[in-house]
């Protein structure tokens, strides 16, 4: 055999070995929820650092918008191409656990890892005594108010009750310019949640004695309140065409006097509207105080071919002190780690305190099967009400009947 041929065969062998080595390398697919334009960069940097410390593991980050996330995961699961890891809405966990899609994490979580978390935020991802996910993001909701608009309208401080909010919005309506008293969401994900604030603060419940509570007296009162504000022109036109990003944009533009939102908006305002003079106050009261407590979880899929590597990525990267601080700081959520909560950036933030003070009054979406379908039914009924296509009582009663059928 000639030397050139030997050289070619040797080179081919090297290529084959290299290809074989690449094929043997563990690859983790991680689907992340798009919180902001910072999200992909955070996780890409996190993955790069992890890969450098773990040369045998490659991490592929796929950033997906919240509006498309659940459908994307459903498509992948049905198609047999589920990722190894994904960020999800914690309320989805019960269905994933019941259907054998989620991998229980109790055999992986050490006391040291568990001890990193603020206990309040661990509970929502625990079902029947098992941990099916870990909290990657947490928030409560509060009321943002534009100090300049309220002062111009002659309103002395943020309203503490819904009656005061309506009165303040009426005064803002009288101001010159394209401004609105209360920015209201009525489209896409969390349309139902934007109404829960009024429902809960009027004493209502989502589930009562095993049945839907969305047609109760408190629920009808809450829906009537929102509809009356729309009819009176106290909100922006056509709330059913506005998602969360739309109403937050109105506030950042200085065109909405009051808005209900989460702590992430603070960071957006600092970047996009640093001159906006605003404050943060509790959700207005009806008969009681209430807010929406939310966690998003990160989970490992039962179909993952390398769960140990998946857990290693969670333990060493996602849930390390460094990356927890980086994520929480850039995305503007409440800390889920004790170490991050103790960081002066968070501990000394008076505006963040408005949210943490609401945690004792936080309500969470119930962890029950078919909850997402129930939330969609509620949102559809609310949109009918807001559009004037149905009265609050009948629309909510019809929706409650559909939800009751799912609860059986």
Protein backbone atom coordinates (compact mmCIF):
# COMPACT_ATOMS: atom_id res chain seq x y z
CA UNK A 1 0.00 0.00 0.00
CA UNK A 2 1.40 3.37 -0.98
CA UNK A 3 2.08 6.03 1.63
CA UNK A 4 -0.51 8.44 0.14
CA UNK A 5 -3.21 5.76 0.45
CA UNK A 6 -2.12 4.95 4.00
CA UNK A 7 -2.29 8.65 4.83
CA UNK A 8 -5.79 8.94 3.40
CA UNK A 9 -7.00 5.91 5.34
CA UNK A 10 -5.43 7.25 8.50
CA UNK A 11 -7.11 10.61 8.04
CA UNK A 12 -10.43 8.87 7.40
CA UNK A 13 -10.00 6.89 10.60
CA UNK A 14 -9.34 10.06 12.54
CA UNK A 15 -12.46 11.69 11.05
CA UNK A 16 -14.49 8.57 11.88
CA UNK A 17 -13.22 8.56 15.45
CA UNK A 18 -13.98 12.24 15.79
CA UNK A 19 -17.45 11.71 14.40
CA UNK A 20 -17.94 8.75 16.69
CA UNK A 21 -16.81 10.82 19.67
CA UNK A 22 -19.23 13.60 18.77
CA UNK A 23 -22.07 11.11 18.41
CA UNK A 24 -21.26 9.61 21.80
CA UNK A 25 -21.36 13.02 23.51
CA UNK A 26 -24.44 13.64 25.66
CA UNK A 27 -26.70 16.32 24.21
CA UNK A 28 -29.31 18.00 26.36
CA UNK A 29 -32.20 19.89 24.79
CA UNK A 30 -33.42 22.63 27.08
CA UNK A 31 -36.53 24.64 26.20
CA UNK A 32 -36.66 27.97 27.97
CA UNK A 33 -39.63 30.31 28.24
CA UNK A 34 -39.03 33.76 26.75
CA UNK A 35 -39.40 36.21 29.63
CA UNK A 36 -37.59 39.07 27.93
CA UNK A 37 -34.95 39.71 25.31
CA UNK A 38 -32.39 38.95 28.03
CA UNK A 39 -33.57 35.35 28.49
CA UNK A 40 -31.74 33.65 25.60
CA UNK A 41 -28.45 35.33 26.47
CA UNK A 42 -28.66 34.29 30.12
CA UNK A 43 -29.21 30.64 29.31
CA UNK A 44 -26.73 30.52 26.43
CA UNK A 45 -24.00 31.90 28.71
CA UNK A 46 -25.04 29.50 31.45
CA UNK A 47 -24.86 26.55 29.03
CA UNK A 48 -21.45 27.62 27.70
CA UNK A 49 -20.00 27.81 31.20
CA UNK A 50 -21.48 24.42 32.08
CA UNK A 51 -20.12 22.81 28.88
CA UNK A 52 -16.65 24.11 29.65
CA UNK A 53 -16.76 22.43 33.06
CA UNK A 54 -18.39 19.28 31.63
CA UNK A 55 -16.79 18.58 28.21
CA UNK A 56 -18.85 15.43 27.67
CA UNK A 57 -22.18 17.26 27.76
CA UNK A 58 -23.55 19.60 25.11
CA UNK A 59 -26.48 21.83 26.05
CA UNK A 60 -28.76 23.15 23.31
CA UNK A 61 -30.97 26.05 24.39
CA UNK A 62 -34.27 26.67 22.57
CA UNK A 63 -36.06 29.90 23.50
CA UNK A 64 -39.86 29.78 23.03
CA UNK A 65 -42.43 32.52 23.67
CA UNK A 66 -44.91 31.95 26.48
CA UNK A 67 -47.86 32.20 24.10
CA UNK A 68 -46.49 29.26 22.08
CA UNK A 69 -44.76 27.29 24.82
CA UNK A 70 -47.50 24.88 25.87
CA UNK A 71 -48.45 24.03 22.28
CA UNK A 72 -44.78 23.56 21.37
CA UNK A 73 -44.26 21.14 24.27
CA UNK A 74 -47.46 19.28 23.44
CA UNK A 75 -46.35 18.88 19.82
CA UNK A 76 -42.93 17.61 20.89
CA UNK A 77 -44.38 15.20 23.45
CA UNK A 78 -46.89 13.73 20.99
CA UNK A 79 -44.20 13.49 18.33
CA UNK A 80 -41.80 11.67 20.62
CA UNK A 81 -39.29 14.52 20.56
CA UNK A 82 -39.77 15.98 24.03
CA UNK A 83 -36.80 17.94 25.36
CA UNK A 84 -34.76 16.79 28.33
CA UNK A 85 -35.56 19.90 30.35
CA UNK A 86 -38.12 22.68 30.03
CA UNK A 87 -39.38 25.71 31.87
CA UNK A 88 -43.15 25.44 32.30
CA UNK A 89 -46.01 27.11 34.10
CA UNK A 90 -46.13 25.29 37.44
CA UNK A 91 -49.87 24.77 36.99
CA UNK A 92 -49.08 22.43 34.05
CA UNK A 93 -47.20 20.04 36.33
CA UNK A 94 -50.23 18.18 37.61
CA UNK A 95 -51.18 17.04 34.11
CA UNK A 96 -47.57 16.16 33.26
CA UNK A 97 -47.21 14.18 36.48
CA UNK A 98 -50.53 12.39 36.02
CA UNK A 99 -49.66 11.44 32.43
CA UNK A 100 -46.15 10.19 33.27
CA UNK A 101 -44.48 12.98 31.30
CA UNK A 102 -42.60 14.56 34.21
CA UNK A 103 -39.75 12.85 36.06
CA UNK A 104 -40.04 13.03 39.88
CA UNK A 105 -36.98 14.75 41.29
CA UNK A 106 -36.90 13.44 44.86
CA UNK A 107 -34.11 10.93 44.12
CA UNK A 108 -31.94 13.77 42.80
CA UNK A 109 -32.58 16.64 45.20
CA UNK A 110 -30.15 16.68 48.11
CA UNK A 111 -30.87 18.48 51.38
CA UNK A 112 -28.16 20.98 50.42
CA UNK A 113 -29.87 21.85 47.12
CA UNK A 114 -33.31 22.00 48.73
CA UNK A 115 -31.96 24.29 51.43
CA UNK A 116 -31.01 26.90 48.83
CA UNK A 117 -34.69 27.69 48.16
CA UNK A 118 -37.18 29.91 49.96
CA UNK A 119 -39.66 27.30 51.19
CA UNK A 120 -42.78 29.25 50.11
CA UNK A 121 -41.87 28.79 46.47
CA UNK A 122 -41.14 25.05 46.68
CA UNK A 123 -44.68 24.05 47.65
CA UNK A 124 -46.49 24.76 44.33
CA UNK A 125 -44.41 22.17 42.42
CA UNK A 126 -44.99 19.42 44.99
CA UNK A 127 -47.87 17.06 44.24
CA UNK A 128 -48.90 14.15 46.47
CA UNK A 129 -45.72 14.51 48.47
CA UNK A 130 -43.39 14.39 45.45
CA UNK A 131 -41.32 17.12 43.83
CA UNK A 132 -42.00 17.27 40.10
CA UNK A 133 -40.16 20.50 39.40
CA UNK A 134 -38.22 23.33 41.00
CA UNK A 135 -39.15 27.03 40.98
CA UNK A 136 -37.17 28.94 38.38
CA UNK A 137 -39.16 32.18 38.59
CA UNK A 138 -41.54 33.59 41.17
CA UNK A 139 -43.69 36.65 41.43
CA UNK A 140 -46.58 38.25 43.19
CA UNK A 141 -48.60 41.03 41.60
CA UNK A 142 -49.15 44.60 42.69
CA UNK A 143 -50.47 47.89 41.33
CA UNK A 144 -48.16 50.20 39.39
CA UNK A 145 -49.29 53.81 39.36
CA UNK A 146 -48.08 56.83 37.42
CA UNK A 147 -47.44 59.54 39.99
CA UNK A 148 -47.45 62.32 37.42
CA UNK A 149 -50.84 61.43 35.93
CA UNK A 150 -52.49 60.95 39.32
CA UNK A 151 -51.12 64.25 40.60
CA UNK A 152 -52.31 66.08 37.48
CA UNK A 153 -55.76 64.52 38.00
CA UNK A 154 -55.83 65.70 41.61
CA UNK A 155 -55.59 62.20 43.09
CA UNK A 156 -53.77 62.12 46.42
CA UNK A 157 -51.76 58.91 46.42
CA UNK A 158 -52.54 55.45 45.03
CA UNK A 159 -56.08 54.11 45.50
CA UNK A 160 -56.42 51.48 48.22
CA UNK A 161 -59.82 50.12 47.17
CA UNK A 162 -61.56 49.37 43.88
CA UNK A 163 -64.02 52.20 44.52
CA UNK A 164 -61.09 54.58 44.92
CA UNK A 165 -59.48 53.20 41.74
CA UNK A 166 -62.64 53.87 39.73
CA UNK A 167 -62.87 57.39 41.17
CA UNK A 168 -59.21 58.03 40.30
CA UNK A 169 -59.65 56.65 36.78
CA UNK A 170 -62.59 59.02 36.21
CA UNK A 171 -60.40 61.99 37.11
CA UNK A 172 -57.61 60.79 34.80
CA UNK A 173 -60.15 60.49 31.99
CA UNK A 174 -60.72 64.24 32.23
CA UNK A 175 -57.06 65.00 31.50
CA UNK A 176 -56.01 66.20 28.08
CA UNK A 177 -54.11 63.78 25.87
CA UNK A 178 -54.27 60.13 24.96
CA UNK A 179 -54.17 58.72 28.50
CA UNK A 180 -56.23 56.12 30.36
CA UNK A 181 -57.07 55.56 33.99
CA UNK A 182 -56.69 51.79 34.15
CA UNK A 183 -54.87 49.57 31.66
CA UNK A 184 -56.73 46.27 31.35
CA UNK A 185 -55.62 43.04 29.73
CA UNK A 186 -58.16 40.98 27.78
CA UNK A 187 -56.12 38.91 25.33
CA UNK A 188 -53.93 35.80 25.41
CA UNK A 189 -52.23 34.19 28.39
CA UNK A 190 -53.35 35.42 31.85
CA UNK A 191 -56.51 37.19 30.67
CA UNK A 192 -58.21 35.15 33.40
CA UNK A 193 -55.54 36.07 35.97
CA UNK A 194 -56.06 39.79 35.40
CA UNK A 195 -59.63 39.25 36.56
CA UNK A 196 -58.66 37.04 39.53
CA UNK A 197 -57.32 40.13 41.31
CA UNK A 198 -60.82 41.57 41.49
CA UNK A 199 -62.42 38.16 42.14
CA UNK A 200 -60.21 37.29 45.10
CA UNK A 201 -60.22 40.77 46.60
CA UNK A 202 -64.03 40.63 46.61
CA UNK A 203 -63.92 37.37 48.55
CA UNK A 204 -64.42 34.95 45.65
CA UNK A 205 -62.73 31.61 45.04
CA UNK A 206 -61.82 29.71 41.88
CA UNK A 207 -62.88 26.34 43.29
CA UNK A 208 -65.48 25.99 46.08
CA UNK A 209 -66.53 22.61 47.51
CA UNK A 210 -65.25 20.79 44.46
CA UNK A 211 -67.05 23.05 41.99
CA UNK A 212 -66.16 26.14 40.02
CA UNK A 213 -66.54 29.39 41.93
CA UNK A 214 -66.37 31.71 38.93
CA UNK A 215 -70.12 32.34 38.87
CA UNK A 216 -70.42 33.32 42.55
CA UNK A 217 -71.79 36.66 43.68
CA UNK A 218 -68.22 37.93 44.17
CA UNK A 219 -67.23 36.73 40.69
CA UNK A 220 -70.15 38.46 38.99
CA UNK A 221 -69.40 41.63 40.96
CA UNK A 222 -65.74 41.51 39.82
CA UNK A 223 -66.67 41.00 36.15
CA UNK A 224 -69.31 43.74 36.34
CA UNK A 225 -66.70 46.08 37.81
CA UNK A 226 -64.33 45.52 34.88
CA UNK A 227 -67.11 45.78 32.30
CA UNK A 228 -68.35 49.04 33.82
CA UNK A 229 -64.86 50.53 33.57
CA UNK A 230 -64.68 49.55 29.90
CA UNK A 231 -68.12 51.02 29.18
CA UNK A 232 -67.27 54.25 30.99
CA UNK A 233 -64.06 54.70 29.01
CA UNK A 234 -61.82 54.36 32.06
CA UNK A 235 -59.66 51.73 30.34
CA UNK A 236 -57.87 51.82 27.00
CA UNK A 237 -60.18 51.05 24.04
CA UNK A 238 -60.83 47.37 23.25
CA UNK A 239 -59.08 45.52 26.10
CA UNK A 240 -59.76 42.21 24.31
CA UNK A 241 -57.10 43.26 21.81
CA UNK A 242 -54.44 43.91 24.46
CA UNK A 243 -52.14 41.27 25.92
CA UNK A 244 -49.83 41.72 28.89
CA UNK A 245 -47.05 43.27 26.83
CA UNK A 246 -49.50 45.75 25.29
CA UNK A 247 -50.81 47.09 28.60
CA UNK A 248 -47.30 47.22 30.07
CA UNK A 249 -46.22 49.24 27.01
CA UNK A 250 -49.02 51.73 27.70
CA UNK A 251 -47.72 52.21 31.22
CA UNK A 252 -44.10 52.59 30.12
CA UNK A 253 -45.24 55.21 27.59
CA UNK A 254 -46.86 57.21 30.38
CA UNK A 255 -50.33 56.68 28.91
CA UNK A 256 -51.87 54.56 31.69
CA UNK A 257 -52.30 55.80 35.25
CA UNK A 258 -52.72 52.37 36.86
CA UNK A 259 -51.80 48.82 35.94
CA UNK A 260 -51.65 45.44 37.69
CA UNK A 261 -48.44 43.58 36.97
CA UNK A 262 -45.45 41.72 38.38
CA UNK A 263 -41.96 42.71 39.57
CA UNK A 264 -40.36 42.18 36.15
CA UNK A 265 -41.89 45.46 34.96
CA UNK A 266 -39.56 47.38 37.28
CA UNK A 267 -36.53 46.31 35.26
CA UNK A 268 -38.23 47.09 31.96
CA UNK A 269 -39.10 50.59 33.16
CA UNK A 270 -35.52 51.18 34.30
CA UNK A 271 -34.24 50.24 30.83
CA UNK A 272 -36.98 51.63 28.59
CA UNK A 273 -38.55 54.51 30.53
CA UNK A 274 -36.03 55.61 33.18
CA UNK A 275 -37.66 59.02 33.59
CA UNK A 276 -41.11 57.63 34.38
CA UNK A 277 -42.19 58.74 37.85
CA UNK A 278 -44.10 55.79 39.27
CA UNK A 279 -44.85 53.92 42.45
CA UNK A 280 -46.00 50.42 43.42
CA UNK A 281 -48.86 49.72 45.83
CA UNK A 282 -50.96 46.71 46.86
CA UNK A 283 -53.75 45.37 44.65
CA UNK A 284 -56.88 47.39 45.55
CA UNK A 285 -59.14 45.84 48.15
CA UNK A 286 -62.78 44.93 47.73
CA UNK A 287 -63.59 43.13 50.95
CA UNK A 288 -60.11 41.71 51.53
CA UNK A 289 -56.49 41.87 50.39
CA UNK A 290 -55.32 39.46 47.71
CA UNK A 291 -52.73 39.02 45.02
CA UNK A 292 -51.80 36.38 42.48
CA UNK A 293 -48.79 34.31 43.49
CA UNK A 294 -47.08 32.64 40.56
CA UNK A 295 -44.16 30.31 40.14
CA UNK A 296 -42.75 28.89 36.96
CA UNK A 297 -40.97 25.58 37.29
CA UNK A 298 -38.21 23.78 35.49
CA UNK A 299 -38.70 20.04 35.01
CA UNK A 300 -36.97 16.98 33.63
CA UNK A 301 -38.94 14.87 31.18
CA UNK A 302 -39.40 11.17 31.94
CA UNK A 303 -38.43 10.41 28.34
CA UNK A 304 -34.97 11.99 28.73
CA UNK A 305 -32.24 9.51 27.85
CA UNK A 306 -29.78 11.04 30.29
CA UNK A 307 -31.57 12.24 33.39
CA UNK A 308 -28.35 12.30 35.41
CA UNK A 309 -26.81 14.81 32.99
CA UNK A 310 -30.06 16.80 33.00
CA UNK A 311 -30.00 16.99 36.79
CA UNK A 312 -26.32 17.91 36.74
CA UNK A 313 -27.15 20.91 34.54
CA UNK A 314 -29.91 21.97 36.93
CA UNK A 315 -27.81 21.54 40.07
CA UNK A 316 -24.56 23.05 38.81
CA UNK A 317 -25.85 25.73 36.44
CA UNK A 318 -29.51 26.72 36.63
CA UNK A 319 -29.65 26.51 40.42
CA UNK A 320 -26.23 27.83 41.26
CA UNK A 321 -26.00 31.05 43.28
CA UNK A 322 -24.32 32.87 40.39
CA UNK A 323 -26.95 32.11 37.75
CA UNK A 324 -29.89 32.49 40.12
CA UNK A 325 -28.73 36.01 40.87
CA UNK A 326 -28.08 36.76 37.19
CA UNK A 327 -31.50 35.51 36.10
CA UNK A 328 -33.42 37.18 38.92
CA UNK A 329 -31.60 40.47 38.47
CA UNK A 330 -32.03 40.69 34.70
CA UNK A 331 -35.58 39.31 34.51
CA UNK A 332 -36.87 41.23 37.53
CA UNK A 333 -38.53 38.41 39.45
CA UNK A 334 -38.71 37.76 43.17
CA UNK A 335 -35.75 35.71 44.43
CA UNK A 336 -36.41 31.99 44.90
CA UNK A 337 -32.99 31.50 46.55
CA UNK A 338 -32.26 32.60 50.12
CA UNK A 339 -28.81 33.81 49.09
CA UNK A 340 -30.27 36.00 46.33
CA UNK A 341 -32.95 37.42 48.64
CA UNK A 342 -30.17 38.48 51.04
CA UNK A 343 -28.28 40.29 48.28
CA UNK A 344 -28.41 44.07 48.93
CA UNK A 345 -29.76 44.67 45.42
CA UNK A 346 -32.95 42.85 46.44
CA UNK A 347 -32.97 43.27 50.21
CA UNK A 348 -32.67 47.06 49.99
CA UNK A 349 -35.12 47.59 47.11
CA UNK A 350 -38.15 49.46 48.47
CA UNK A 351 -40.17 48.83 45.32
CA UNK A 352 -39.53 45.09 45.52
CA UNK A 353 -40.82 45.22 49.10
CA UNK A 354 -44.27 46.11 47.74
CA UNK A 355 -44.41 42.62 46.23
CA UNK A 356 -42.88 40.68 49.11
CA UNK A 357 -45.32 42.40 51.50
CA UNK A 358 -48.16 40.94 49.44
CA UNK A 359 -46.92 37.33 49.71
CA UNK A 360 -48.98 36.56 52.86
CA UNK A 361 -52.08 37.41 50.79
CA UNK A 362 -51.01 35.45 47.70
CA UNK A 363 -53.35 32.97 46.03
CA UNK A 364 -52.07 30.37 43.59
CA UNK A 365 -53.85 28.70 40.68
CA UNK A 366 -55.11 25.31 41.88
CA UNK A 367 -52.98 22.29 41.00
CA UNK A 368 -55.72 20.16 39.47
CA UNK A 369 -56.00 18.24 36.19
CA UNK A 370 -57.27 20.20 33.17
CA UNK A 371 -56.59 23.55 34.80
CA UNK A 372 -55.35 25.13 31.58
CA UNK A 373 -58.57 24.19 29.80
CA UNK A 374 -60.54 25.68 32.69
CA UNK A 375 -58.51 28.89 32.49
CA UNK A 376 -59.22 29.10 28.74
CA UNK A 377 -62.95 28.67 29.39
CA UNK A 378 -62.83 31.48 31.95
CA UNK A 379 -60.89 33.76 29.58
CA UNK A 380 -63.36 33.14 26.76
CA UNK A 381 -66.29 34.05 29.02
CA UNK A 382 -64.55 37.23 30.16
CA UNK A 383 -63.90 38.26 26.57
CA UNK A 384 -67.59 37.82 25.78
CA UNK A 385 -68.43 40.06 28.74
CA UNK A 386 -65.87 42.72 27.83
CA UNK A 387 -67.12 42.79 24.22
CA UNK A 388 -70.72 43.16 25.34
CA UNK A 389 -71.72 39.85 23.77
CA UNK A 390 -73.02 38.43 27.08
CA UNK A 391 -74.01 39.66 30.52
CA UNK A 392 -71.62 38.79 33.39
CA UNK A 393 -73.99 36.47 35.26
CA UNK A 394 -75.09 34.21 32.37
CA UNK A 395 -71.61 34.14 30.78
CA UNK A 396 -69.94 33.08 34.01
CA UNK A 397 -72.66 30.54 34.82
CA UNK A 398 -72.19 28.89 31.41
CA UNK A 399 -68.42 28.85 31.90
CA UNK A 400 -68.76 27.42 35.42
CA UNK A 401 -70.92 24.59 34.08
CA UNK A 402 -68.22 23.68 31.56
CA UNK A 403 -65.58 23.74 34.26
CA UNK A 404 -67.72 21.60 36.58
CA UNK A 405 -67.89 18.96 33.87
CA UNK A 406 -64.08 18.87 33.85
CA UNK A 407 -63.91 18.66 37.63
CA UNK A 408 -65.99 15.47 37.83
